[in-house]
Amino acid sequence: MAEQHDIHLEVKGMTCQGCVNAVTRIVQRKDPSAQVKIDLAAGRLDGAAALAPDELAKAISAAGYEARVI
């Protein structure tokens, strides 16, 4: 099993539950083993994944959101 990294991202541009679902799908496509929790009001994603946090932030940003590691 791959090493899990703690993930803490600020994600701007999420405005509804549909956005939360889209970001979750992006993460799951990049890393099916990822476990994430998204707080829409805070614009924050926390969890654990085999991919490095910056790789997930790049994938989310490529989809039109603004994500950065915090």
PDB file of N, CA and C in Angstrom:
ATOM      1  N   MET A   1       0.837  -1.185   0.000  1.00  0.00           N
ATOM      2  CA  MET A   1       0.000   0.000   0.000  1.00  0.00           C
ATOM      3  C   MET A   1       0.876   1.241   0.000  1.00  0.00           C
ATOM      4  N   ALA A   2       0.494   2.239  -0.789  1.00  0.00           N
ATOM      5  CA  ALA A   2       1.276   3.465  -0.894  1.00  0.00           C
ATOM      6  C   ALA A   2       1.167   4.283   0.384  1.00  0.00           C
ATOM      7  N   GLU A   3       2.218   5.033   0.647  1.00  0.00           N
ATOM      8  CA  GLU A   3       2.225   5.909   1.807  1.00  0.00           C
ATOM      9  C   GLU A   3       1.131   6.965   1.657  1.00  0.00           C
ATOM     10  N   GLN A   4       0.421   7.228   2.732  1.00  0.00           N
ATOM     11  CA  GLN A   4      -0.635   8.242   2.726  1.00  0.00           C
ATOM     12  C   GLN A   4      -0.069   9.572   3.234  1.00  0.00           C
ATOM     13  N   HIS A   5      -0.423  10.642   2.523  1.00  0.00           N
ATOM     14  CA  HIS A   5      -0.025  11.995   2.916  1.00  0.00           C
ATOM     15  C   HIS A   5      -1.239  12.696   3.508  1.00  0.00           C
ATOM     16  N   ASP A   6      -1.018  13.483   4.561  1.00  0.00           N
ATOM     17  CA  ASP A   6      -2.085  14.345   5.056  1.00  0.00           C
ATOM     18  C   ASP A   6      -2.292  15.444   4.030  1.00  0.00           C
ATOM     19  N   ILE A   7      -3.550  15.727   3.712  1.00  0.00           N
ATOM     20  CA  ILE A   7      -3.889  16.722   2.706  1.00  0.00           C
ATOM     21  C   ILE A   7      -4.671  17.851   3.374  1.00  0.00           C
ATOM     22  N   HIS A   8      -4.205  19.068   3.169  1.00  0.00           N
ATOM     23  CA  HIS A   8      -4.911  20.259   3.658  1.00  0.00           C
ATOM     24  C   HIS A   8      -4.821  21.296   2.541  1.00  0.00           C
ATOM     25  N   LEU A   9      -5.954  21.538   1.871  1.00  0.00           N
ATOM     26  CA  LEU A   9      -5.981  22.475   0.753  1.00  0.00           C
ATOM     27  C   LEU A   9      -7.028  23.552   0.972  1.00  0.00           C
ATOM     28  N   GLU A  10      -6.709  24.752   0.530  1.00  0.00           N
ATOM     29  CA  GLU A  10      -7.703  25.807   0.408  1.00  0.00           C
ATOM     30  C   GLU A  10      -8.190  25.728  -1.038  1.00  0.00           C
ATOM     31  N   VAL A  11      -9.501  25.684  -1.222  1.00  0.00           N
ATOM     32  CA  VAL A  11     -10.069  25.588  -2.570  1.00  0.00           C
ATOM     33  C   VAL A  11     -11.056  26.740  -2.762  1.00  0.00           C
ATOM     34  N   LYS A  12     -10.715  27.650  -3.665  1.00  0.00           N
ATOM     35  CA  LYS A  12     -11.592  28.783  -3.960  1.00  0.00           C
ATOM     36  C   LYS A  12     -12.389  28.475  -5.221  1.00  0.00           C
ATOM     37  N   GLY A  13     -13.598  29.019  -5.287  1.00  0.00           N
ATOM     38  CA  GLY A  13     -14.426  28.850  -6.463  1.00  0.00           C
ATOM     39  C   GLY A  13     -15.538  27.836  -6.281  1.00  0.00           C
ATOM     40  N   MET A  14     -15.586  27.155  -5.145  1.00  0.00           N
ATOM     41  CA  MET A  14     -16.679  26.233  -4.872  1.00  0.00           C
ATOM     42  C   MET A  14     -17.853  27.048  -4.327  1.00  0.00           C
ATOM     43  N   THR A  15     -19.008  26.931  -4.983  1.00  0.00           N
ATOM     44  CA  THR A  15     -20.158  27.735  -4.563  1.00  0.00           C
ATOM     45  C   THR A  15     -21.369  26.901  -4.147  1.00  0.00           C
ATOM     46  N   CYS A  16     -21.340  25.594  -4.401  1.00  0.00           N
ATOM     47  CA  CYS A  16     -22.518  24.771  -4.105  1.00  0.00           C
ATOM     48  C   CYS A  16     -22.097  23.317  -3.887  1.00  0.00           C
ATOM     49  N   GLN A  17     -23.071  22.492  -3.547  1.00  0.00           N
ATOM     50  CA  GLN A  17     -22.796  21.074  -3.332  1.00  0.00           C
ATOM     51  C   GLN A  17     -22.311  20.402  -4.612  1.00  0.00           C
ATOM     52  N   GLY A  18     -22.765  20.890  -5.760  1.00  0.00           N
ATOM     53  CA  GLY A  18     -22.286  20.352  -7.031  1.00  0.00           C
ATOM     54  C   GLY A  18     -20.785  20.548  -7.188  1.00  0.00           C
ATOM     55  N   CYS A  19     -20.288  21.696  -6.748  1.00  0.00           N
ATOM     56  CA  CYS A  19     -18.843  21.959  -6.786  1.00  0.00           C
ATOM     57  C   CYS A  19     -18.100  21.000  -5.854  1.00  0.00           C
ATOM     58  N   VAL A  20     -18.655  20.793  -4.675  1.00  0.00           N
ATOM     59  CA  VAL A  20     -18.044  19.855  -3.722  1.00  0.00           C
ATOM     60  C   VAL A  20     -17.963  18.470  -4.348  1.00  0.00           C
ATOM     61  N   ASN A  21     -19.050  18.047  -4.992  1.00  0.00           N
ATOM     62  CA  ASN A  21     -19.064  16.733  -5.653  1.00  0.00           C
ATOM     63  C   ASN A  21     -18.034  16.676  -6.781  1.00  0.00           C
ATOM     64  N   ALA A  22     -17.914  17.759  -7.544  1.00  0.00           N
ATOM     65  CA  ALA A  22     -16.949  17.791  -8.652  1.00  0.00           C
ATOM     66  C   ALA A  22     -15.520  17.682  -8.130  1.00  0.00           C
ATOM     67  N   VAL A  23     -15.202  18.430  -7.077  1.00  0.00           N
ATOM     68  CA  VAL A  23     -13.849  18.383  -6.508  1.00  0.00           C
ATOM     69  C   VAL A  23     -13.571  16.989  -5.944  1.00  0.00           C
ATOM     70  N   THR A  24     -14.554  16.407  -5.301  1.00  0.00           N
ATOM     71  CA  THR A  24     -14.393  15.048  -4.778  1.00  0.00           C
ATOM     72  C   THR A  24     -14.108  14.067  -5.909  1.00  0.00           C
ATOM     73  N   ARG A  25     -14.835  14.179  -7.025  1.00  0.00           N
ATOM     74  CA  ARG A  25     -14.599  13.295  -8.178  1.00  0.00           C
ATOM     75  C   ARG A  25     -13.196  13.492  -8.745  1.00  0.00           C
ATOM     76  N   ILE A  26     -12.733  14.734  -8.812  1.00  0.00           N
ATOM     77  CA  ILE A  26     -11.379  15.013  -9.320  1.00  0.00           C
ATOM     78  C   ILE A  26     -10.346  14.287  -8.467  1.00  0.00           C
ATOM     79  N   VAL A  27     -10.493  14.397  -7.158  1.00  0.00           N
ATOM     80  CA  VAL A  27      -9.553  13.751  -6.232  1.00  0.00           C
ATOM     81  C   VAL A  27      -9.621  12.232  -6.393  1.00  0.00           C
ATOM     82  N   GLN A  28     -10.831  11.675  -6.461  1.00  0.00           N
ATOM     83  CA  GLN A  28     -10.993  10.227  -6.571  1.00  0.00           C
ATOM     84  C   GLN A  28     -10.435   9.680  -7.887  1.00  0.00           C
ATOM     85  N   ARG A  29     -10.534  10.459  -8.967  1.00  0.00           N
ATOM     86  CA  ARG A  29      -9.958  10.013 -10.246  1.00  0.00           C
ATOM     87  C   ARG A  29      -8.437   9.970 -10.177  1.00  0.00           C
ATOM     88  N   LYS A  30      -7.840  10.961  -9.522  1.00  0.00           N
ATOM     89  CA  LYS A  30      -6.379  11.011  -9.403  1.00  0.00           C
ATOM     90  C   LYS A  30      -5.865   9.969  -8.419  1.00  0.00           C
ATOM     91  N   ASP A  31      -6.645   9.717  -7.354  1.00  0.00           N
ATOM     92  CA  ASP A  31      -6.218   8.782  -6.310  1.00  0.00           C
ATOM     93  C   ASP A  31      -7.450   8.095  -5.716  1.00  0.00           C
ATOM     94  N   PRO A  32      -7.820   6.931  -6.261  1.00  0.00           N
ATOM     95  CA  PRO A  32      -9.012   6.235  -5.782  1.00  0.00           C
ATOM     96  C   PRO A  32      -8.986   5.879  -4.294  1.00  0.00           C
ATOM     97  N   SER A  33      -7.809   5.815  -3.699  1.00  0.00           N
ATOM     98  CA  SER A  33      -7.716   5.470  -2.278  1.00  0.00           C
ATOM     99  C   SER A  33      -7.847   6.691  -1.364  1.00  0.00           C
ATOM    100  N   ALA A  34      -7.941   7.887  -1.937  1.00  0.00           N
ATOM    101  CA  ALA A  34      -8.000   9.115  -1.139  1.00  0.00           C
ATOM    102  C   ALA A  34      -9.274   9.170  -0.302  1.00  0.00           C
ATOM    103  N   GLN A  35      -9.132   9.678   0.892  1.00  0.00           N
ATOM    104  CA  GLN A  35     -10.254   9.922   1.803  1.00  0.00           C
ATOM    105  C   GLN A  35     -10.239  11.409   2.119  1.00  0.00           C
ATOM    106  N   VAL A  36     -11.250  12.138   1.638  1.00  0.00           N
ATOM    107  CA  VAL A  36     -11.257  13.584   1.852  1.00  0.00           C
ATOM    108  C   VAL A  36     -12.593  14.050   2.405  1.00  0.00           C
ATOM    109  N   LYS A  37     -12.538  15.176   3.111  1.00  0.00           N
ATOM    110  CA  LYS A  37     -13.713  15.851   3.633  1.00  0.00           C
ATOM    111  C   LYS A  37     -13.609  17.297   3.161  1.00  0.00           C
ATOM    112  N   ILE A  38     -14.684  17.794   2.557  1.00  0.00           N
ATOM    113  CA  ILE A  38     -14.676  19.158   2.047  1.00  0.00           C
ATOM    114  C   ILE A  38     -15.654  20.001   2.856  1.00  0.00           C
ATOM    115  N   ASP A  39     -15.165  21.143   3.336  1.00  0.00           N
ATOM    116  CA  ASP A  39     -15.989  22.115   4.042  1.00  0.00           C
ATOM    117  C   ASP A  39     -16.258  23.256   3.063  1.00  0.00           C
ATOM    118  N   LEU A  40     -17.461  23.274   2.489  1.00  0.00           N
ATOM    119  CA  LEU A  40     -17.812  24.268   1.481  1.00  0.00           C
ATOM    120  C   LEU A  40     -17.721  25.688   2.038  1.00  0.00           C
ATOM    121  N   ALA A  41     -18.272  25.912   3.223  1.00  0.00           N
ATOM    122  CA  ALA A  41     -18.298  27.252   3.806  1.00  0.00           C
ATOM    123  C   ALA A  41     -16.890  27.798   4.036  1.00  0.00           C
ATOM    124  N   ALA A  42     -15.978  26.929   4.454  1.00  0.00           N
ATOM    125  CA  ALA A  42     -14.602  27.353   4.722  1.00  0.00           C
ATOM    126  C   ALA A  42     -13.731  27.302   3.482  1.00  0.00           C
ATOM    127  N   GLY A  43     -14.199  26.640   2.415  1.00  0.00           N
ATOM    128  CA  GLY A  43     -13.383  26.482   1.213  1.00  0.00           C
ATOM    129  C   GLY A  43     -12.149  25.651   1.483  1.00  0.00           C
ATOM    130  N   ARG A  44     -12.364  24.557   2.201  1.00  0.00           N
ATOM    131  CA  ARG A  44     -11.235  23.747   2.647  1.00  0.00           C
ATOM    132  C   ARG A  44     -11.459  22.272   2.365  1.00  0.00           C
ATOM    133  N   LEU A  45     -10.388  21.601   1.983  1.00  0.00           N
ATOM    134  CA  LEU A  45     -10.382  20.158   1.772  1.00  0.00           C
ATOM    135  C   LEU A  45      -9.334  19.568   2.701  1.00  0.00           C
ATOM    136  N   ASP A  46      -9.722  18.584   3.491  1.00  0.00           N
ATOM    137  CA  ASP A  46      -8.799  17.898   4.397  1.00  0.00           C
ATOM    138  C   ASP A  46      -8.948  16.402   4.196  1.00  0.00           C
ATOM    139  N   GLY A  47      -7.885  15.669   4.419  1.00  0.00           N
ATOM    140  CA  GLY A  47      -7.960  14.222   4.312  1.00  0.00           C
ATOM    141  C   GLY A  47      -6.594  13.586   4.174  1.00  0.00           C
ATOM    142  N   ALA A  48      -6.598  12.428   3.509  1.00  0.00           N
ATOM    143  CA  ALA A  48      -5.363  11.669   3.293  1.00  0.00           C
ATOM    144  C   ALA A  48      -5.411  11.064   1.897  1.00  0.00           C
ATOM    145  N   ALA A  49      -4.246  11.029   1.258  1.00  0.00           N
ATOM    146  CA  ALA A  49      -4.157  10.476  -0.096  1.00  0.00           C
ATOM    147  C   ALA A  49      -2.744   9.990  -0.355  1.00  0.00           C
ATOM    148  N   ALA A  50      -2.617   9.077  -1.313  1.00  0.00           N
ATOM    149  CA  ALA A  50      -1.302   8.574  -1.699  1.00  0.00           C
ATOM    150  C   ALA A  50      -0.544   9.622  -2.521  1.00  0.00           C
ATOM    151  N   LEU A  51      -1.283  10.458  -3.252  1.00  0.00           N
ATOM    152  CA  LEU A  51      -0.644  11.527  -4.025  1.00  0.00           C
ATOM    153  C   LEU A  51      -0.217  12.663  -3.110  1.00  0.00           C
ATOM    154  N   ALA A  52       0.829  13.358  -3.508  1.00  0.00           N
ATOM    155  CA  ALA A  52       1.290  14.512  -2.750  1.00  0.00           C
ATOM    156  C   ALA A  52       0.249  15.626  -2.819  1.00  0.00           C
ATOM    157  N   PRO A  53       0.131  16.427  -1.768  1.00  0.00           N
ATOM    158  CA  PRO A  53      -0.853  17.504  -1.747  1.00  0.00           C
ATOM    159  C   PRO A  53      -0.760  18.456  -2.939  1.00  0.00           C
ATOM    160  N   ASP A  54       0.462  18.787  -3.364  1.00  0.00           N
ATOM    161  CA  ASP A  54       0.603  19.727  -4.485  1.00  0.00           C
ATOM    162  C   ASP A  54       0.089  19.121  -5.795  1.00  0.00           C
ATOM    163  N   GLU A  55       0.175  17.800  -5.947  1.00  0.00           N
ATOM    164  CA  GLU A  55      -0.356  17.148  -7.152  1.00  0.00           C
ATOM    165  C   GLU A  55      -1.879  17.228  -7.179  1.00  0.00           C
ATOM    166  N   LEU A  56      -2.500  17.031  -6.037  1.00  0.00           N
ATOM    167  CA  LEU A  56      -3.955  17.160  -5.982  1.00  0.00           C
ATOM    168  C   LEU A  56      -4.384  18.610  -6.213  1.00  0.00           C
ATOM    169  N   ALA A  57      -3.641  19.556  -5.653  1.00  0.00           N
ATOM    170  CA  ALA A  57      -3.959  20.966  -5.864  1.00  0.00           C
ATOM    171  C   ALA A  57      -3.868  21.325  -7.347  1.00  0.00           C
ATOM    172  N   LYS A  58      -2.863  20.809  -8.040  1.00  0.00           N
ATOM    173  CA  LYS A  58      -2.724  21.067  -9.478  1.00  0.00           C
ATOM    174  C   LYS A  58      -3.903  20.507 -10.252  1.00  0.00           C
ATOM    175  N   ALA A  59      -4.342  19.295  -9.910  1.00  0.00           N
ATOM    176  CA  ALA A  59      -5.467  18.667 -10.611  1.00  0.00           C
ATOM    177  C   ALA A  59      -6.759  19.453 -10.388  1.00  0.00           C
ATOM    178  N   ILE A  60      -6.977  19.902  -9.165  1.00  0.00           N
ATOM    179  CA  ILE A  60      -8.178  20.679  -8.852  1.00  0.00           C
ATOM    180  C   ILE A  60      -8.128  22.027  -9.568  1.00  0.00           C
ATOM    181  N   SER A  61      -6.975  22.666  -9.574  1.00  0.00           N
ATOM    182  CA  SER A  61      -6.823  23.952 -10.255  1.00  0.00           C
ATOM    183  C   SER A  61      -7.020  23.817 -11.761  1.00  0.00           C
ATOM    184  N   ALA A  62      -6.558  22.710 -12.331  1.00  0.00           N
ATOM    185  CA  ALA A  62      -6.717  22.482 -13.770  1.00  0.00           C
ATOM    186  C   ALA A  62      -8.190  22.356 -14.156  1.00  0.00           C
ATOM    187  N   ALA A  63      -9.033  22.009 -13.196  1.00  0.00           N
ATOM    188  CA  ALA A  63     -10.464  21.854 -13.444  1.00  0.00           C
ATOM    189  C   ALA A  63     -11.223  23.179 -13.286  1.00  0.00           C
ATOM    190  N   GLY A  64     -10.509  24.260 -12.959  1.00  0.00           N
ATOM    191  CA  GLY A  64     -11.160  25.556 -12.885  1.00  0.00           C
ATOM    192  C   GLY A  64     -11.334  26.142 -11.510  1.00  0.00           C
ATOM    193  N   TYR A  65     -10.912  25.397 -10.490  1.00  0.00           N
ATOM    194  CA  TYR A  65     -10.950  25.924  -9.134  1.00  0.00           C
ATOM    195  C   TYR A  65      -9.565  26.434  -8.782  1.00  0.00           C
ATOM    196  N   GLU A  66      -9.456  27.208  -7.738  1.00  0.00           N
ATOM    197  CA  GLU A  66      -8.147  27.696  -7.306  1.00  0.00           C
ATOM    198  C   GLU A  66      -7.779  26.969  -6.019  1.00  0.00           C
ATOM    199  N   ALA A  67      -6.842  26.032  -6.121  1.00  0.00           N
ATOM    200  CA  ALA A  67      -6.460  25.218  -4.961  1.00  0.00           C
ATOM    201  C   ALA A  67      -5.004  25.459  -4.597  1.00  0.00           C
ATOM    202  N   ARG A  68      -4.757  25.516  -3.293  1.00  0.00           N
ATOM    203  CA  ARG A  68      -3.380  25.652  -2.823  1.00  0.00           C
ATOM    204  C   ARG A  68      -3.234  24.905  -1.514  1.00  0.00           C
ATOM    205  N   VAL A  69      -2.022  24.405  -1.297  1.00  0.00           N
ATOM    206  CA  VAL A  69      -1.701  23.675  -0.068  1.00  0.00           C
ATOM    207  C   VAL A  69      -1.623  24.677   1.078  1.00  0.00           C
ATOM    208  N   ILE A  70      -2.241  24.304   2.201  1.00  0.00           N
ATOM    209  CA  ILE A  70      -2.136  25.144   3.408  1.00  0.00           C
ATOM    210  C   ILE A  70      -1.540  24.348   4.546  1.00  0.00           C
TER     211      ILE A  70
END
